[in-house]
Amino acid sequence: MAAKRRSTAKPRKACCMVSEMLEEMGLDRERTRALRRQVLQGVMLMCQWQLERMEDAPRPRRRRARRVEVD
């Protein structure tokens, strides 16, 4: 078996690697932040729309059970 070598360099942090990947894809911090903001605003808008639909919807009337005679 070959002996394992240990790297003397510090391991890279995951957050730094993600930042580098985003930069390579053409997404800088400001662009990413703007996209995140747009997504969150879209989710908020959808939730508000759902709440308005719930408030405007007519409530179903409760039906009473029918009395049936059994022989």
PDB file of N, CA and C in Angstrom:
ATOM      1  N   MET A   1       0.831  -1.185   0.000  1.00  0.00           N
ATOM      2  CA  MET A   1       0.000   0.000   0.000  1.00  0.00           C
ATOM      3  C   MET A   1       0.874   1.246   0.000  1.00  0.00           C
ATOM      4  N   ALA A   2       0.447   2.187  -0.757  1.00  0.00           N
ATOM      5  CA  ALA A   2       1.173   3.449  -0.816  1.00  0.00           C
ATOM      6  C   ALA A   2       0.792   4.316   0.374  1.00  0.00           C
ATOM      7  N   ALA A   3       1.754   5.010   0.883  1.00  0.00           N
ATOM      8  CA  ALA A   3       1.494   5.902   2.006  1.00  0.00           C
ATOM      9  C   ALA A   3       0.719   7.112   1.514  1.00  0.00           C
ATOM     10  N   LYS A   4      -0.240   7.555   2.314  1.00  0.00           N
ATOM     11  CA  LYS A   4      -1.034   8.732   1.950  1.00  0.00           C
ATOM     12  C   LYS A   4      -0.227   9.985   2.231  1.00  0.00           C
ATOM     13  N   ARG A   5      -0.268  10.890   1.288  1.00  0.00           N
ATOM     14  CA  ARG A   5       0.411  12.162   1.493  1.00  0.00           C
ATOM     15  C   ARG A   5      -0.574  13.172   2.040  1.00  0.00           C
ATOM     16  N   ARG A   6      -0.103  13.950   2.940  1.00  0.00           N
ATOM     17  CA  ARG A   6      -0.940  15.033   3.472  1.00  0.00           C
ATOM     18  C   ARG A   6      -0.518  16.328   2.817  1.00  0.00           C
ATOM     19  N   SER A   7      -1.475  17.041   2.390  1.00  0.00           N
ATOM     20  CA  SER A   7      -1.198  18.322   1.768  1.00  0.00           C
ATOM     21  C   SER A   7      -0.864  19.333   2.848  1.00  0.00           C
ATOM     22  N   THR A   8       0.153  20.125   2.601  1.00  0.00           N
ATOM     23  CA  THR A   8       0.524  21.146   3.581  1.00  0.00           C
ATOM     24  C   THR A   8      -0.310  22.409   3.386  1.00  0.00           C
ATOM     25  N   ALA A   9      -0.989  22.508   2.232  1.00  0.00           N
ATOM     26  CA  ALA A   9      -1.831  23.684   1.981  1.00  0.00           C
ATOM     27  C   ALA A   9      -3.127  23.572   2.787  1.00  0.00           C
ATOM     28  N   LYS A  10      -3.664  24.720   3.158  1.00  0.00           N
ATOM     29  CA  LYS A  10      -4.920  24.728   3.904  1.00  0.00           C
ATOM     30  C   LYS A  10      -6.056  24.278   2.987  1.00  0.00           C
ATOM     31  N   PRO A  11      -7.000  23.523   3.515  1.00  0.00           N
ATOM     32  CA  PRO A  11      -8.150  23.155   2.678  1.00  0.00           C
ATOM     33  C   PRO A  11      -8.967  24.401   2.353  1.00  0.00           C
ATOM     34  N   ARG A  12      -9.513  24.422   1.169  1.00  0.00           N
ATOM     35  CA  ARG A  12     -10.289  25.583   0.742  1.00  0.00           C
ATOM     36  C   ARG A  12     -11.665  25.545   1.388  1.00  0.00           C
ATOM     37  N   LYS A  13     -12.164  26.690   1.759  1.00  0.00           N
ATOM     38  CA  LYS A  13     -13.490  26.791   2.360  1.00  0.00           C
ATOM     39  C   LYS A  13     -14.558  26.630   1.285  1.00  0.00           C
ATOM     40  N   ALA A  14     -15.653  25.997   1.685  1.00  0.00           N
ATOM     41  CA  ALA A  14     -16.738  25.750   0.727  1.00  0.00           C
ATOM     42  C   ALA A  14     -17.329  27.055   0.217  1.00  0.00           C
ATOM     43  N   CYS A  15     -17.443  28.049   1.091  1.00  0.00           N
ATOM     44  CA  CYS A  15     -18.039  29.316   0.659  1.00  0.00           C
ATOM     45  C   CYS A  15     -17.178  29.996  -0.406  1.00  0.00           C
ATOM     46  N   CYS A  16     -15.867  29.871  -0.296  1.00  0.00           N
ATOM     47  CA  CYS A  16     -14.980  30.462  -1.296  1.00  0.00           C
ATOM     48  C   CYS A  16     -15.104  29.727  -2.627  1.00  0.00           C
ATOM     49  N   MET A  17     -15.226  28.417  -2.559  1.00  0.00           N
ATOM     50  CA  MET A  17     -15.363  27.637  -3.785  1.00  0.00           C
ATOM     51  C   MET A  17     -16.677  27.975  -4.481  1.00  0.00           C
ATOM     52  N   VAL A  18     -17.747  28.144  -3.714  1.00  0.00           N
ATOM     53  CA  VAL A  18     -19.044  28.497  -4.305  1.00  0.00           C
ATOM     54  C   VAL A  18     -18.957  29.877  -4.952  1.00  0.00           C
ATOM     55  N   SER A  19     -18.322  30.821  -4.278  1.00  0.00           N
ATOM     56  CA  SER A  19     -18.176  32.168  -4.838  1.00  0.00           C
ATOM     57  C   SER A  19     -17.410  32.130  -6.154  1.00  0.00           C
ATOM     58  N   GLU A  20     -16.340  31.328  -6.184  1.00  0.00           N
ATOM     59  CA  GLU A  20     -15.566  31.225  -7.417  1.00  0.00           C
ATOM     60  C   GLU A  20     -16.382  30.591  -8.536  1.00  0.00           C
ATOM     61  N   MET A  21     -17.162  29.574  -8.213  1.00  0.00           N
ATOM     62  CA  MET A  21     -17.997  28.930  -9.223  1.00  0.00           C
ATOM     63  C   MET A  21     -19.019  29.920  -9.777  1.00  0.00           C
ATOM     64  N   LEU A  22     -19.640  30.702  -8.894  1.00  0.00           N
ATOM     65  CA  LEU A  22     -20.623  31.689  -9.343  1.00  0.00           C
ATOM     66  C   LEU A  22     -19.972  32.736 -10.245  1.00  0.00           C
ATOM     67  N   GLU A  23     -18.763  33.162  -9.886  1.00  0.00           N
ATOM     68  CA  GLU A  23     -18.060  34.138 -10.712  1.00  0.00           C
ATOM     69  C   GLU A  23     -17.730  33.558 -12.081  1.00  0.00           C
ATOM     70  N   GLU A  24     -17.338  32.284 -12.119  1.00  0.00           N
ATOM     71  CA  GLU A  24     -17.027  31.643 -13.399  1.00  0.00           C
ATOM     72  C   GLU A  24     -18.267  31.535 -14.280  1.00  0.00           C
ATOM     73  N   MET A  25     -19.445  31.410 -13.648  1.00  0.00           N
ATOM     74  CA  MET A  25     -20.689  31.327 -14.404  1.00  0.00           C
ATOM     75  C   MET A  25     -21.209  32.702 -14.795  1.00  0.00           C
ATOM     76  N   GLY A  26     -20.536  33.745 -14.335  1.00  0.00           N
ATOM     77  CA  GLY A  26     -20.945  35.097 -14.698  1.00  0.00           C
ATOM     78  C   GLY A  26     -21.908  35.726 -13.709  1.00  0.00           C
ATOM     79  N   LEU A  27     -22.045  35.146 -12.535  1.00  0.00           N
ATOM     80  CA  LEU A  27     -22.932  35.704 -11.512  1.00  0.00           C
ATOM     81  C   LEU A  27     -22.086  36.314 -10.403  1.00  0.00           C
ATOM     82  N   ASP A  28     -22.053  37.606 -10.357  1.00  0.00           N
ATOM     83  CA  ASP A  28     -21.323  38.238  -9.267  1.00  0.00           C
ATOM     84  C   ASP A  28     -22.251  38.410  -8.070  1.00  0.00           C
ATOM     85  N   ARG A  29     -21.717  38.920  -7.002  1.00  0.00           N
ATOM     86  CA  ARG A  29     -22.480  39.041  -5.754  1.00  0.00           C
ATOM     87  C   ARG A  29     -23.712  39.916  -5.907  1.00  0.00           C
ATOM     88  N   GLU A  30     -23.558  41.045  -6.593  1.00  0.00           N
ATOM     89  CA  GLU A  30     -24.689  41.967  -6.768  1.00  0.00           C
ATOM     90  C   GLU A  30     -25.785  41.334  -7.616  1.00  0.00           C
ATOM     91  N   ARG A  31     -25.389  40.635  -8.677  1.00  0.00           N
ATOM     92  CA  ARG A  31     -26.377  39.977  -9.556  1.00  0.00           C
ATOM     93  C   ARG A  31     -27.102  38.881  -8.782  1.00  0.00           C
ATOM     94  N   THR A  32     -26.366  38.112  -8.000  1.00  0.00           N
ATOM     95  CA  THR A  32     -26.970  37.041  -7.208  1.00  0.00           C
ATOM     96  C   THR A  32     -27.940  37.615  -6.186  1.00  0.00           C
ATOM     97  N   ARG A  33     -27.544  38.700  -5.578  1.00  0.00           N
ATOM     98  CA  ARG A  33     -28.413  39.343  -4.585  1.00  0.00           C
ATOM     99  C   ARG A  33     -29.701  39.863  -5.227  1.00  0.00           C
ATOM    100  N   ALA A  34     -29.573  40.426  -6.419  1.00  0.00           N
ATOM    101  CA  ALA A  34     -30.747  40.936  -7.128  1.00  0.00           C
ATOM    102  C   ALA A  34     -31.679  39.781  -7.507  1.00  0.00           C
ATOM    103  N   LEU A  35     -31.115  38.672  -7.971  1.00  0.00           N
ATOM    104  CA  LEU A  35     -31.935  37.506  -8.311  1.00  0.00           C
ATOM    105  C   LEU A  35     -32.655  36.964  -7.088  1.00  0.00           C
ATOM    106  N   ARG A  36     -31.944  36.871  -5.966  1.00  0.00           N
ATOM    107  CA  ARG A  36     -32.549  36.378  -4.725  1.00  0.00           C
ATOM    108  C   ARG A  36     -33.702  37.281  -4.304  1.00  0.00           C
ATOM    109  N   ARG A  37     -33.493  38.582  -4.437  1.00  0.00           N
ATOM    110  CA  ARG A  37     -34.551  39.544  -4.068  1.00  0.00           C
ATOM    111  C   ARG A  37     -35.782  39.363  -4.951  1.00  0.00           C
ATOM    112  N   GLN A  38     -35.569  39.176  -6.259  1.00  0.00           N
ATOM    113  CA  GLN A  38     -36.686  38.984  -7.170  1.00  0.00           C
ATOM    114  C   GLN A  38     -37.455  37.706  -6.846  1.00  0.00           C
ATOM    115  N   VAL A  39     -36.732  36.650  -6.524  1.00  0.00           N
ATOM    116  CA  VAL A  39     -37.400  35.382  -6.189  1.00  0.00           C
ATOM    117  C   VAL A  39     -38.233  35.549  -4.926  1.00  0.00           C
ATOM    118  N   LEU A  40     -37.673  36.181  -3.906  1.00  0.00           N
ATOM    119  CA  LEU A  40     -38.409  36.370  -2.653  1.00  0.00           C
ATOM    120  C   LEU A  40     -39.633  37.266  -2.853  1.00  0.00           C
ATOM    121  N   GLN A  41     -39.503  38.305  -3.667  1.00  0.00           N
ATOM    122  CA  GLN A  41     -40.649  39.162  -3.946  1.00  0.00           C
ATOM    123  C   GLN A  41     -41.728  38.397  -4.695  1.00  0.00           C
ATOM    124  N   GLY A  42     -41.324  37.514  -5.593  1.00  0.00           N
ATOM    125  CA  GLY A  42     -42.286  36.690  -6.307  1.00  0.00           C
ATOM    126  C   GLY A  42     -43.035  35.752  -5.373  1.00  0.00           C
ATOM    127  N   VAL A  43     -42.322  35.170  -4.421  1.00  0.00           N
ATOM    128  CA  VAL A  43     -42.966  34.281  -3.448  1.00  0.00           C
ATOM    129  C   VAL A  43     -43.951  35.068  -2.590  1.00  0.00           C
ATOM    130  N   MET A  44     -43.552  36.273  -2.172  1.00  0.00           N
ATOM    131  CA  MET A  44     -44.442  37.109  -1.372  1.00  0.00           C
ATOM    132  C   MET A  44     -45.698  37.472  -2.154  1.00  0.00           C
ATOM    133  N   LEU A  45     -45.538  37.822  -3.426  1.00  0.00           N
ATOM    134  CA  LEU A  45     -46.676  38.178  -4.258  1.00  0.00           C
ATOM    135  C   LEU A  45     -47.633  36.995  -4.406  1.00  0.00           C
ATOM    136  N   MET A  46     -47.074  35.798  -4.600  1.00  0.00           N
ATOM    137  CA  MET A  46     -47.912  34.608  -4.733  1.00  0.00           C
ATOM    138  C   MET A  46     -48.684  34.341  -3.433  1.00  0.00           C
ATOM    139  N   CYS A  47     -48.022  34.509  -2.296  1.00  0.00           N
ATOM    140  CA  CYS A  47     -48.695  34.291  -1.005  1.00  0.00           C
ATOM    141  C   CYS A  47     -49.820  35.305  -0.790  1.00  0.00           C
ATOM    142  N   GLN A  48     -49.573  36.567  -1.144  1.00  0.00           N
ATOM    143  CA  GLN A  48     -50.615  37.585  -1.011  1.00  0.00           C
ATOM    144  C   GLN A  48     -51.803  37.259  -1.909  1.00  0.00           C
ATOM    145  N   TRP A  49     -51.534  36.809  -3.105  1.00  0.00           N
ATOM    146  CA  TRP A  49     -52.601  36.438  -4.029  1.00  0.00           C
ATOM    147  C   TRP A  49     -53.419  35.282  -3.467  1.00  0.00           C
ATOM    148  N   GLN A  50     -52.752  34.284  -2.875  1.00  0.00           N
ATOM    149  CA  GLN A  50     -53.465  33.156  -2.288  1.00  0.00           C
ATOM    150  C   GLN A  50     -54.330  33.608  -1.117  1.00  0.00           C
ATOM    151  N   LEU A  51     -53.808  34.506  -0.285  1.00  0.00           N
ATOM    152  CA  LEU A  51     -54.592  35.020   0.846  1.00  0.00           C
ATOM    153  C   LEU A  51     -55.830  35.773   0.362  1.00  0.00           C
ATOM    154  N   GLU A  52     -55.673  36.582  -0.675  1.00  0.00           N
ATOM    155  CA  GLU A  52     -56.824  37.315  -1.217  1.00  0.00           C
ATOM    156  C   GLU A  52     -57.868  36.350  -1.768  1.00  0.00           C
ATOM    157  N   ARG A  53     -57.437  35.297  -2.421  1.00  0.00           N
ATOM    158  CA  ARG A  53     -58.381  34.307  -2.942  1.00  0.00           C
ATOM    159  C   ARG A  53     -59.137  33.631  -1.809  1.00  0.00           C
ATOM    160  N   MET A  54     -58.438  33.361  -0.703  1.00  0.00           N
ATOM    161  CA  MET A  54     -59.091  32.704   0.433  1.00  0.00           C
ATOM    162  C   MET A  54     -60.131  33.628   1.056  1.00  0.00           C
ATOM    163  N   GLU A  55     -59.822  34.928   1.140  1.00  0.00           N
ATOM    164  CA  GLU A  55     -60.747  35.879   1.754  1.00  0.00           C
ATOM    165  C   GLU A  55     -61.967  36.123   0.874  1.00  0.00           C
ATOM    166  N   ASP A  56     -61.785  36.125  -0.442  1.00  0.00           N
ATOM    167  CA  ASP A  56     -62.872  36.408  -1.370  1.00  0.00           C
ATOM    168  C   ASP A  56     -63.767  35.205  -1.633  1.00  0.00           C
ATOM    169  N   ALA A  57     -63.288  34.024  -1.363  1.00  0.00           N
ATOM    170  CA  ALA A  57     -64.043  32.810  -1.677  1.00  0.00           C
ATOM    171  C   ALA A  57     -65.264  32.699  -0.767  1.00  0.00           C
ATOM    172  N   PRO A  58     -66.418  32.376  -1.349  1.00  0.00           N
ATOM    173  CA  PRO A  58     -67.610  32.200  -0.512  1.00  0.00           C
ATOM    174  C   PRO A  58     -67.456  30.953   0.359  1.00  0.00           C
ATOM    175  N   ARG A  59     -67.907  31.081   1.572  1.00  0.00           N
ATOM    176  CA  ARG A  59     -67.818  29.937   2.486  1.00  0.00           C
ATOM    177  C   ARG A  59     -68.965  28.975   2.206  1.00  0.00           C
ATOM    178  N   PRO A  60     -68.667  27.705   2.152  1.00  0.00           N
ATOM    179  CA  PRO A  60     -69.741  26.738   1.898  1.00  0.00           C
ATOM    180  C   PRO A  60     -70.686  26.655   3.097  1.00  0.00           C
ATOM    181  N   ARG A  61     -71.985  26.538   2.784  1.00  0.00           N
ATOM    182  CA  ARG A  61     -72.963  26.407   3.866  1.00  0.00           C
ATOM    183  C   ARG A  61     -72.946  24.983   4.369  1.00  0.00           C
ATOM    184  N   ARG A  62     -73.139  24.856   5.655  1.00  0.00           N
ATOM    185  CA  ARG A  62     -73.200  23.510   6.218  1.00  0.00           C
ATOM    186  C   ARG A  62     -74.564  22.906   5.951  1.00  0.00           C
ATOM    187  N   ARG A  63     -74.557  21.674   5.588  1.00  0.00           N
ATOM    188  CA  ARG A  63     -75.824  20.973   5.358  1.00  0.00           C
ATOM    189  C   ARG A  63     -76.173  20.176   6.601  1.00  0.00           C
ATOM    190  N   ARG A  64     -77.455  20.170   6.878  1.00  0.00           N
ATOM    191  CA  ARG A  64     -77.902  19.348   8.012  1.00  0.00           C
ATOM    192  C   ARG A  64     -78.145  17.928   7.525  1.00  0.00           C
ATOM    193  N   ALA A  65     -77.943  17.016   8.413  1.00  0.00           N
ATOM    194  CA  ALA A  65     -78.191  15.612   8.070  1.00  0.00           C
ATOM    195  C   ALA A  65     -79.695  15.393   7.874  1.00  0.00           C
ATOM    196  N   ARG A  66     -80.040  14.583   6.913  1.00  0.00           N
ATOM    197  CA  ARG A  66     -81.449  14.285   6.655  1.00  0.00           C
ATOM    198  C   ARG A  66     -81.921  13.201   7.615  1.00  0.00           C
ATOM    199  N   ARG A  67     -83.112  13.402   8.071  1.00  0.00           N
ATOM    200  CA  ARG A  67     -83.695  12.361   8.915  1.00  0.00           C
ATOM    201  C   ARG A  67     -84.400  11.355   8.037  1.00  0.00           C
ATOM    202  N   VAL A  68     -84.057  10.130   8.249  1.00  0.00           N
ATOM    203  CA  VAL A  68     -84.635   9.059   7.440  1.00  0.00           C
ATOM    204  C   VAL A  68     -85.285   8.067   8.377  1.00  0.00           C
ATOM    205  N   GLU A  69     -86.498   7.671   8.024  1.00  0.00           N
ATOM    206  CA  GLU A  69     -87.182   6.663   8.841  1.00  0.00           C
ATOM    207  C   GLU A  69     -86.794   5.279   8.349  1.00  0.00           C
ATOM    208  N   VAL A  70     -86.482   4.416   9.284  1.00  0.00           N
ATOM    209  CA  VAL A  70     -86.128   3.048   8.939  1.00  0.00           C
ATOM    210  C   VAL A  70     -87.194   2.111   9.439  1.00  0.00           C
ATOM    211  N   ASP A  71     -87.645   1.194   8.605  1.00  0.00           N
ATOM    212  CA  ASP A  71     -88.682   0.229   8.999  1.00  0.00           C
ATOM    213  C   ASP A  71     -88.054  -0.940   9.738  1.00  0.00           C
TER     214      ASP A  71
END
